[in-house]
Each structure stands twice: as C-alpha cells, then as structure tokens.
Protein backbone atom coordinates (compact mmCIF):
# COMPACT_ATOMS: atom_id res chain seq x y z
CA MET A 1 -24.87 -74.02 56.43
CA LYS A 2 -24.82 -72.48 59.85
CA GLU A 3 -22.13 -69.93 58.76
CA GLU A 4 -24.07 -69.00 55.64
CA LYS A 5 -27.19 -68.47 57.72
CA GLU A 6 -25.26 -66.25 60.14
CA ASN A 7 -23.77 -64.19 57.27
CA LYS A 8 -27.20 -63.79 55.74
CA ASN A 9 -28.66 -62.75 59.08
CA GLY A 10 -25.78 -60.25 59.50
CA ILE A 11 -26.48 -58.67 56.11
CA MET A 12 -30.20 -58.43 56.85
CA GLU A 13 -29.45 -56.83 60.21
CA ARG A 14 -27.20 -54.14 58.65
CA LYS A 15 -29.86 -53.44 56.02
CA ARG A 16 -32.54 -53.08 58.74
CA LYS A 17 -30.34 -50.67 60.71
CA TRP A 18 -29.70 -48.63 57.54
CA ASN A 19 -33.43 -48.37 56.80
CA ASP A 20 -34.15 -47.42 60.42
CA ARG A 21 -31.53 -44.64 60.24
CA ASN A 22 -33.02 -43.31 57.02
CA LYS A 23 -36.47 -43.24 58.57
CA LYS A 24 -35.17 -41.38 61.61
CA ASN A 25 -33.04 -38.84 59.61
CA PRO A 26 -34.74 -38.36 56.23
CA GLU A 27 -33.45 -34.78 55.89
CA GLU A 28 -29.85 -35.76 56.57
CA ASN A 29 -30.12 -38.58 54.05
CA GLN A 30 -31.56 -36.22 51.47
CA ASN A 31 -28.75 -33.76 52.13
CA ASN A 32 -26.18 -36.48 51.67
CA HIS A 33 -27.88 -37.48 48.46
CA ASN A 34 -27.91 -33.86 47.27
CA GLU A 35 -24.26 -33.45 48.15
CA ASP A 36 -23.38 -36.52 46.14
CA GLN A 37 -25.43 -35.22 43.23
CA ASP A 38 -23.80 -31.77 43.47
CA GLN A 39 -20.36 -33.36 43.40
CA LYS A 40 -21.33 -35.33 40.32
CA ASN A 41 -22.71 -32.19 38.65
CA ALA A 42 -19.58 -30.22 39.55
CA VAL A 43 -17.37 -32.88 38.03
CA LYS A 44 -19.57 -32.89 34.92
CA ASP A 45 -19.50 -29.08 34.65
CA ASP A 46 -15.74 -29.05 35.09
CA LYS A 47 -15.36 -31.56 32.28
CA GLU A 48 -17.66 -29.55 30.03
CA LYS A 49 -15.78 -26.34 30.85
CA LYS A 50 -12.44 -27.92 30.01
CA SER A 51 -13.94 -29.34 26.85
CA GLY A 52 -15.30 -25.88 25.96
CA GLU A 53 -11.95 -24.24 26.64
CA LYS A 54 -10.26 -26.81 24.45
CA THR A 55 -12.76 -26.15 21.65
CA THR A 56 -12.26 -22.38 21.97
CA LYS A 57 -8.51 -22.77 21.82
CA GLN A 58 -8.81 -24.89 18.72
CA GLU A 59 -11.10 -22.32 17.15
CA VAL A 60 -8.67 -19.51 17.95
CA THR A 61 -5.81 -21.58 16.61
CA SER A 62 -7.83 -22.37 13.53
CA ASN A 63 -8.71 -18.69 13.10
CA ASN A 64 -5.07 -17.72 13.56
CA ASN A 65 -4.07 -20.31 10.99
CA ASN A 66 -6.69 -18.95 8.60
CA LYS A 67 -5.31 -15.44 9.11
CA LYS A 68 -1.84 -16.70 8.34
CA LYS A 69 -3.09 -18.52 5.28
CA HIS A 70 -4.90 -15.41 4.02
CA LYS A 71 -2.09 -12.98 4.81
CA ILE A 72 -1.33 -11.04 1.66
CA VAL A 73 2.32 -10.60 0.72
CA PHE A 74 3.58 -7.96 -1.72
CA PRO A 75 6.93 -9.27 -3.03
CA TYR A 76 7.28 -6.45 -5.56
CA GLY A 77 6.43 -3.59 -3.21
CA ASN A 78 3.01 -3.37 -4.87
CA TYR A 79 1.30 -2.37 -1.64
CA ARG A 80 -2.32 -1.35 -1.53
CA ASN A 81 -2.79 2.22 -0.26
CA TYR A 82 0.97 2.78 -0.45
CA TYR A 83 0.49 6.54 -0.35
CA GLY A 84 -2.41 6.46 2.09
CA TYR A 85 -0.43 6.99 5.29
CA ARG A 86 2.22 9.16 3.67
CA ILE A 87 0.32 11.70 1.60
CA ASN A 88 -2.57 14.04 2.16
CA GLU A 89 -4.22 14.49 -1.22
CA LEU A 90 -4.89 18.15 -0.50
CA ASP A 91 -1.29 18.96 0.43
CA GLY A 92 0.24 16.69 -2.19
CA ASP A 93 3.41 14.62 -2.20
CA PRO A 94 6.28 16.46 -0.45
CA ARG A 95 8.63 15.35 -3.25
CA LEU A 96 6.76 17.66 -5.60
CA LYS A 97 8.41 20.56 -3.77
CA VAL A 98 11.87 19.56 -4.97
CA PHE A 99 10.85 18.73 -8.55
CA GLU A 100 11.45 21.45 -11.13
CA ARG A 101 8.84 22.53 -13.62
CA ASP A 102 11.33 22.41 -16.50
CA TRP A 103 11.67 18.64 -16.07
CA PHE A 104 8.00 18.07 -16.91
CA GLN A 105 6.26 21.01 -18.57
CA GLY A 106 5.50 20.20 -22.19
CA LYS A 107 7.57 17.00 -21.86
CA ASP A 108 6.93 13.28 -22.43
CA CYS A 109 7.41 11.53 -19.09
CA LEU A 110 7.50 7.96 -17.75
CA ASP A 111 6.86 6.88 -14.15
CA ILE A 112 8.25 3.39 -13.40
CA GLY A 113 6.47 1.62 -10.54
CA CYS A 114 3.61 4.12 -10.32
CA ASN A 115 1.59 2.04 -7.80
CA SER A 116 -1.85 3.67 -7.43
CA GLY A 117 -0.88 6.57 -9.70
CA ILE A 118 -1.43 9.43 -7.24
CA LEU A 119 2.01 11.01 -7.72
CA THR A 120 1.83 10.47 -11.49
CA ILE A 121 -1.42 12.41 -11.65
CA GLN A 122 -0.20 15.15 -9.31
CA ILE A 123 2.86 15.72 -11.52
CA ALA A 124 0.62 16.04 -14.59
CA ARG A 125 -1.66 18.51 -12.82
CA LYS A 126 1.03 20.66 -11.25
CA PHE A 127 3.64 20.76 -14.03
CA HIS A 128 1.44 20.30 -17.14
CA CYS A 129 3.26 17.46 -18.88
CA LYS A 130 2.68 16.88 -22.55
CA SER A 131 2.18 13.23 -21.60
CA ILE A 132 2.98 10.96 -18.70
CA LEU A 133 2.73 7.16 -18.64
CA GLY A 134 2.67 5.27 -15.34
CA ILE A 135 3.55 1.58 -15.41
CA ASP A 136 3.31 -0.98 -12.62
CA ILE A 137 3.84 -4.73 -12.36
CA ASP A 138 0.49 -5.22 -10.58
CA SER A 139 -2.69 -4.96 -12.65
CA ASP A 140 -4.67 -4.22 -9.47
CA ARG A 141 -2.56 -1.14 -8.82
CA VAL A 142 -3.10 -0.03 -12.41
CA SER A 143 -6.86 -0.35 -11.83
CA ASP A 144 -6.44 1.76 -8.69
CA ALA A 145 -4.54 4.34 -10.74
CA TYR A 146 -7.33 4.69 -13.27
CA TRP A 147 -9.81 5.03 -10.40
CA HIS A 148 -7.76 7.93 -9.01
CA LEU A 149 -7.48 9.45 -12.48
CA ARG A 150 -11.27 9.54 -12.83
CA LYS A 151 -11.55 11.03 -9.33
CA PHE A 152 -9.01 13.78 -10.04
CA ALA A 153 -10.61 14.48 -13.42
CA ARG A 154 -14.02 15.00 -11.82
CA THR A 155 -12.51 17.34 -9.24
CA GLU A 156 -10.71 19.28 -11.96
CA ASN A 157 -13.89 19.67 -14.01
CA VAL A 158 -15.77 20.99 -10.98
CA GLU A 159 -12.98 23.49 -10.31
CA LYS A 160 -12.95 24.64 -13.94
CA ASN A 161 -16.72 25.08 -14.02
CA SER A 162 -16.65 27.04 -10.77
CA THR A 163 -13.88 29.26 -12.13
CA LYS A 164 -15.81 29.92 -15.35
CA VAL A 165 -18.94 30.89 -13.43
CA ALA A 166 -16.96 33.24 -11.17
CA ARG A 167 -15.20 34.85 -14.15
CA LEU A 168 -18.49 35.25 -16.00
CA GLU A 169 -20.05 37.01 -13.01
CA ILE A 170 -17.06 39.36 -12.73
CA LYS A 171 -17.19 40.01 -16.47
CA ASN A 172 -20.89 40.89 -16.32
CA GLU A 173 -20.33 43.20 -13.37
CA VAL A 174 -17.45 44.98 -15.12
CA ASN A 175 -19.30 45.24 -18.40
CA GLY A 176 -22.36 46.58 -16.62
CA ALA A 177 -20.31 49.26 -14.84
CA GLU A 178 -18.46 50.23 -18.01
CA HIS A 179 -21.66 50.26 -20.06
CA SER A 180 -23.35 52.61 -17.63
CA ALA A 181 -20.32 54.89 -17.72
CA SER A 182 -19.33 54.93 -21.40
CA GLY A 183 -21.55 52.46 -23.24
CA SER A 184 -18.53 50.23 -24.03
CA SER A 185 -17.82 46.70 -22.86
CA VAL A 186 -14.72 45.07 -21.38
CA GLU A 187 -13.69 41.47 -22.20
CA ILE A 188 -11.91 39.19 -19.72
CA LYS A 189 -10.05 36.30 -21.35
CA ASP A 190 -10.63 32.85 -19.90
CA ASP A 191 -7.26 31.06 -19.93
CA SER A 192 -8.45 28.02 -17.91
CA SER A 193 -9.72 26.08 -20.91
CA ALA A 194 -8.80 22.43 -21.41
CA SER A 195 -6.82 23.38 -24.52
CA SER A 196 -4.41 25.52 -22.49
CA LYS A 197 -3.68 23.01 -19.74
CA GLY A 198 -4.73 19.76 -21.37
CA ASP A 199 -7.40 17.33 -20.28
CA LEU A 200 -6.11 14.79 -17.74
CA PHE A 201 -7.31 11.82 -19.77
CA ASN A 202 -5.38 13.08 -22.79
CA VAL A 203 -2.21 13.54 -20.72
CA VAL A 204 -2.13 10.68 -18.18
CA SER A 205 -2.24 6.96 -18.94
CA PHE A 206 -1.34 3.75 -17.11
CA ARG A 207 -0.19 0.30 -18.16
CA GLN A 208 0.55 -3.03 -16.49
CA GLU A 209 4.11 -4.08 -17.26
CA ASN A 210 7.10 -5.76 -15.64
CA PHE A 211 9.54 -3.09 -16.75
CA ALA A 212 12.75 -4.95 -15.86
CA GLN A 213 11.73 -8.15 -17.65
CA SER A 214 9.44 -6.88 -20.41
CA GLN A 215 10.45 -7.49 -24.02
CA ARG A 216 7.89 -4.99 -25.28
CA PRO A 217 9.46 -2.92 -28.07
CA SER A 218 9.27 0.78 -27.33
CA GLY A 219 9.20 3.11 -30.28
CA LYS A 220 8.92 6.11 -27.96
CA GLN A 221 11.55 7.99 -26.01
CA TYR A 222 11.03 10.20 -23.01
CA ASP A 223 12.35 13.51 -21.73
CA THR A 224 11.99 12.56 -18.06
CA ILE A 225 11.83 9.17 -16.36
CA LEU A 226 10.96 8.72 -12.70
CA CYS A 227 12.10 5.67 -10.72
CA LEU A 228 11.02 6.36 -7.15
CA SER A 229 11.46 3.70 -4.42
CA VAL A 230 11.58 0.93 -7.01
CA THR A 231 15.22 -0.17 -7.27
CA LYS A 232 15.11 -2.33 -4.12
CA TRP A 233 12.22 -4.44 -5.38
CA ILE A 234 13.76 -5.03 -8.79
CA HIS A 235 17.10 -5.75 -7.14
CA LEU A 236 15.66 -8.27 -4.64
CA ASN A 237 13.55 -10.06 -7.25
CA TRP A 238 16.00 -10.14 -10.17
CA GLY A 239 19.38 -9.56 -8.56
CA ASP A 240 22.25 -7.49 -9.91
CA ASP A 241 21.39 -8.46 -13.50
CA GLY A 242 17.89 -7.08 -13.06
CA LEU A 243 19.26 -3.81 -11.67
CA ILE A 244 21.69 -3.33 -14.58
CA THR A 245 18.87 -4.17 -17.02
CA LEU A 246 16.74 -1.48 -15.37
CA PHE A 247 19.43 1.20 -15.65
CA SER A 248 20.35 0.26 -19.23
CA LYS A 249 16.73 0.28 -20.37
CA ILE A 250 16.13 3.69 -18.82
CA TRP A 251 19.20 5.02 -20.65
CA ARG A 252 17.91 3.76 -24.00
CA LEU A 253 14.46 5.24 -23.45
CA LEU A 254 15.74 8.73 -22.63
CA HIS A 255 16.16 11.44 -25.25
CA PRO A 256 19.63 13.01 -25.36
CA GLY A 257 19.57 15.64 -22.63
CA GLY A 258 16.83 13.74 -20.79
CA ILE A 259 16.86 13.15 -17.04
CA LEU A 260 16.34 10.26 -14.64
CA VAL A 261 14.86 11.13 -11.24
CA LEU A 262 16.02 8.29 -8.99
CA GLU A 263 15.02 7.57 -5.40
CA PRO A 264 16.89 4.41 -4.28
CA GLN A 265 16.04 2.65 -1.03
CA PRO A 266 18.94 2.25 1.45
CA TRP A 267 20.46 -1.16 2.21
CA GLN A 268 18.72 -1.27 5.60
CA SER A 269 15.44 -1.37 3.71
CA TYR A 270 16.65 -4.46 1.80
CA GLU A 271 17.31 -6.19 5.11
CA LYS A 272 13.77 -5.56 6.33
CA ASN A 273 12.13 -7.01 3.21
CA ARG A 274 14.51 -9.78 2.21
CA ARG A 275 12.21 -12.57 3.45
CA VAL A 276 9.03 -11.63 1.57
CA SER A 277 9.67 -14.56 -0.78
CA GLU A 278 12.17 -17.35 -1.37
CA THR A 279 13.44 -15.49 -4.43
CA THR A 280 14.14 -12.27 -2.53
CA ALA A 281 15.85 -14.17 0.28
CA MET A 282 18.12 -15.95 -2.20
CA ASN A 283 18.97 -12.83 -4.21
CA TYR A 284 19.65 -10.84 -1.05
CA ARG A 285 22.53 -13.19 -0.23
CA THR A 286 24.11 -12.80 -3.67
CA ILE A 287 23.74 -9.04 -4.31
CA MET A 288 27.08 -7.38 -5.00
CA PHE A 289 25.98 -3.83 -5.92
CA ARG A 290 24.87 -1.90 -2.87
CA PRO A 291 22.81 1.33 -3.25
CA GLU A 292 25.86 3.46 -2.48
CA SER A 293 27.49 2.13 -5.66
CA PHE A 294 24.60 3.15 -7.96
CA ARG A 295 26.14 6.55 -8.69
CA GLU A 296 29.34 4.99 -9.99
CA ILE A 297 27.41 2.47 -12.09
CA LEU A 298 25.15 5.09 -13.67
CA LEU A 299 27.97 7.55 -14.42
CA ASP A 300 30.85 5.24 -15.35
CA LYS A 301 29.10 2.16 -16.73
CA ILE A 302 25.72 3.32 -18.06
CA GLY A 303 26.91 6.68 -19.39
CA PHE A 304 25.04 9.51 -17.65
CA ARG A 305 26.98 12.79 -17.81
CA ARG A 306 26.33 14.21 -14.35
CA VAL A 307 24.20 13.89 -11.25
CA GLU A 308 22.74 16.30 -8.71
CA ASP A 309 21.48 15.53 -5.23
CA ILE A 310 18.17 17.27 -4.45
CA THR A 311 17.59 15.55 -1.09
CA ALA A 312 18.23 18.68 0.98
CA GLY A 313 14.93 20.16 -0.16
CA LEU A 314 13.08 17.36 1.64
CA SER A 315 14.58 18.08 5.06
CA GLY A 316 11.91 18.35 7.73
CA SER A 317 9.33 16.42 5.75
CA LYS A 318 6.88 14.55 7.97
CA ALA A 319 5.25 12.56 5.20
CA GLY A 320 7.52 9.53 5.37
CA PHE A 321 9.69 10.18 2.32
CA ASP A 322 13.15 10.79 3.74
CA ARG A 323 15.19 8.90 1.13
CA PRO A 324 17.83 10.54 -1.04
CA ILE A 325 16.71 11.72 -4.48
CA PHE A 326 19.15 12.12 -7.37
CA VAL A 327 18.74 13.62 -10.83
CA TYR A 328 20.90 12.02 -13.54
CA HIS A 329 21.39 13.87 -16.82
CA LYS A 330 21.95 11.99 -20.05
C-alpha cells in the first residue's frame, strides 16, 4: 500500500510540474503543439501528393491504353489522306509527267487501288479518258473519292463558266470593232463545251471491290490498267497466289494491245509493313516471288510482249513517289 501511495504521489508530482511549466511557458508549449500539428499536416500532404501522383499515373496509363486500343491500322494500305502529304492539288501528281496522253485519251481505263481517287480524277482531267473506273477495297476511301470528284467537278464548272464569260466579252469587243469598220461580225468558236471534253461525272466512277479476291464477272475490257503501289498489299495479304491472281486478272481484262502501268513497292517496304496484321506477318515469311522477279513473271508466265521502264522521268521528284514505274504491253 505504501509503494502504491508513493507511485501515485510521484505521478501527481510530475503532472503538477508539467502544468507549472505550461503556465510559465505558454508560448513555447503552443509552438511545440504547432510544430507537432505541422508535422502531422506535412505527413498528410505527402500522402495525398503520392496518392495524387499515383492517380495521375494511372490516368495517363489508362489514356495511353485507350490510345493503343483506338489506334487505327490499315492492313491493305487503305490510308486516309494517302496523297495529302505527297501531292499538291494545284501542281498535281508528279507521276502524271511521265504518263503519255496516248495511253488514256479516248480510252477505257481502270485504276486498281484508287484510294481517295485524286490521281484517277487528275488523269481523267488531263488526258480526257473516254472512261475511267477507280476501285478500292475500302468503302470509306470510295466515299472519299466521290467527295473529291464532286469537288473537282465544281471547280471545273467554275473554270468553264469563267472561260465562257471571257470569250463572250472578247467576241463582243471584236464584233463591235468589226461592225464599226465594215458592218460585218466575227464569230469565235467556243471549244470548251462539255461535249468536247466530257463531263467528269460521265467519265469518272468509283466502286468498292477486293480486286484480287472478287468473283464479279466483268463483261468489259480496258485499254489501260493502272496498278500503282498496290502489289505489296495484295502480296502481303494473299501471298504469292494472290499476286499471280492479280497479274492474271489484269491480263484477261486488257484489250489486245492494251497496257499495264505498274508501280511495285520494293522489298524493303514489305519489311516495314509486315507486322500490320497476323496475316501479313505469316505471308511475309512464305513469300517466294520478290518484286525484282515480277518482270520475269509478267513476260514469261503471264504473257506480256514487252516492258519499258519510265522511272527516269521521275528523277528529282520531291513529292515522295520515287518507286520504279513500268509499262507492260499486251
């Protein structure tokens, strides 16, 4: 009992001393209390900061994952805006400079893998085809092509109307001068009518079709067929069989004396795109016919008579089209 009483007295004594010290140094005590509180707040803020950083990282990761999930892949080379960074619409496609008018003027033409149709339309405008059909595996690209067709048609109509107005003004001026001099009139023929050059909508058309795999019967043959930067995508997606099917089908669709304008991608380009899908990766490993063997296949196996290389005319081009271009004659 005595020990308990002493312990109790000791505790009460320490408590009294503590209270006395607080009364003597209230500011110091408050400072100590504030310091303790600051330390607690700092720890709390640090935890919240770490928690916030963790949340932000998760959000970034989640956003990155969403970007990966929504990344659009074009396994058939059916890129949106394929020509956007390569071609200035005012200057036109540099390949037009090496194409000859005789291949297209008054001819029935086919453009395989037309994408957004810009080159197809430019060929029709510059060389005045009788008809030209652009086909593409992607229905969205075909929609883009028709959008460009309407745009070009509007531009052409504006140009024609402006030309007619200018010619009419010149005609009136000439007639007025002649009338004042001799009382006679002078006629200036207007050769810019739609009947002389053909309306774009009557000449150009587009269609969605998987050319290499399509079983669509074709009752029409063509004078000129273009296959520009397409062979790689057919080759990677359908292998050597798909490539031979492509060449054989082109041969059948050409009139005797018709031509194939071919722009094959080099093997290095296959290597860059081989992983766009499981199918392309698998076919890449089994391909036997490299692009350098296409000439032999087309001449010796398919049956074309001769070939000419028109690549030299593209030297110095800054528009991104630096691939070889060959013209095969049936």
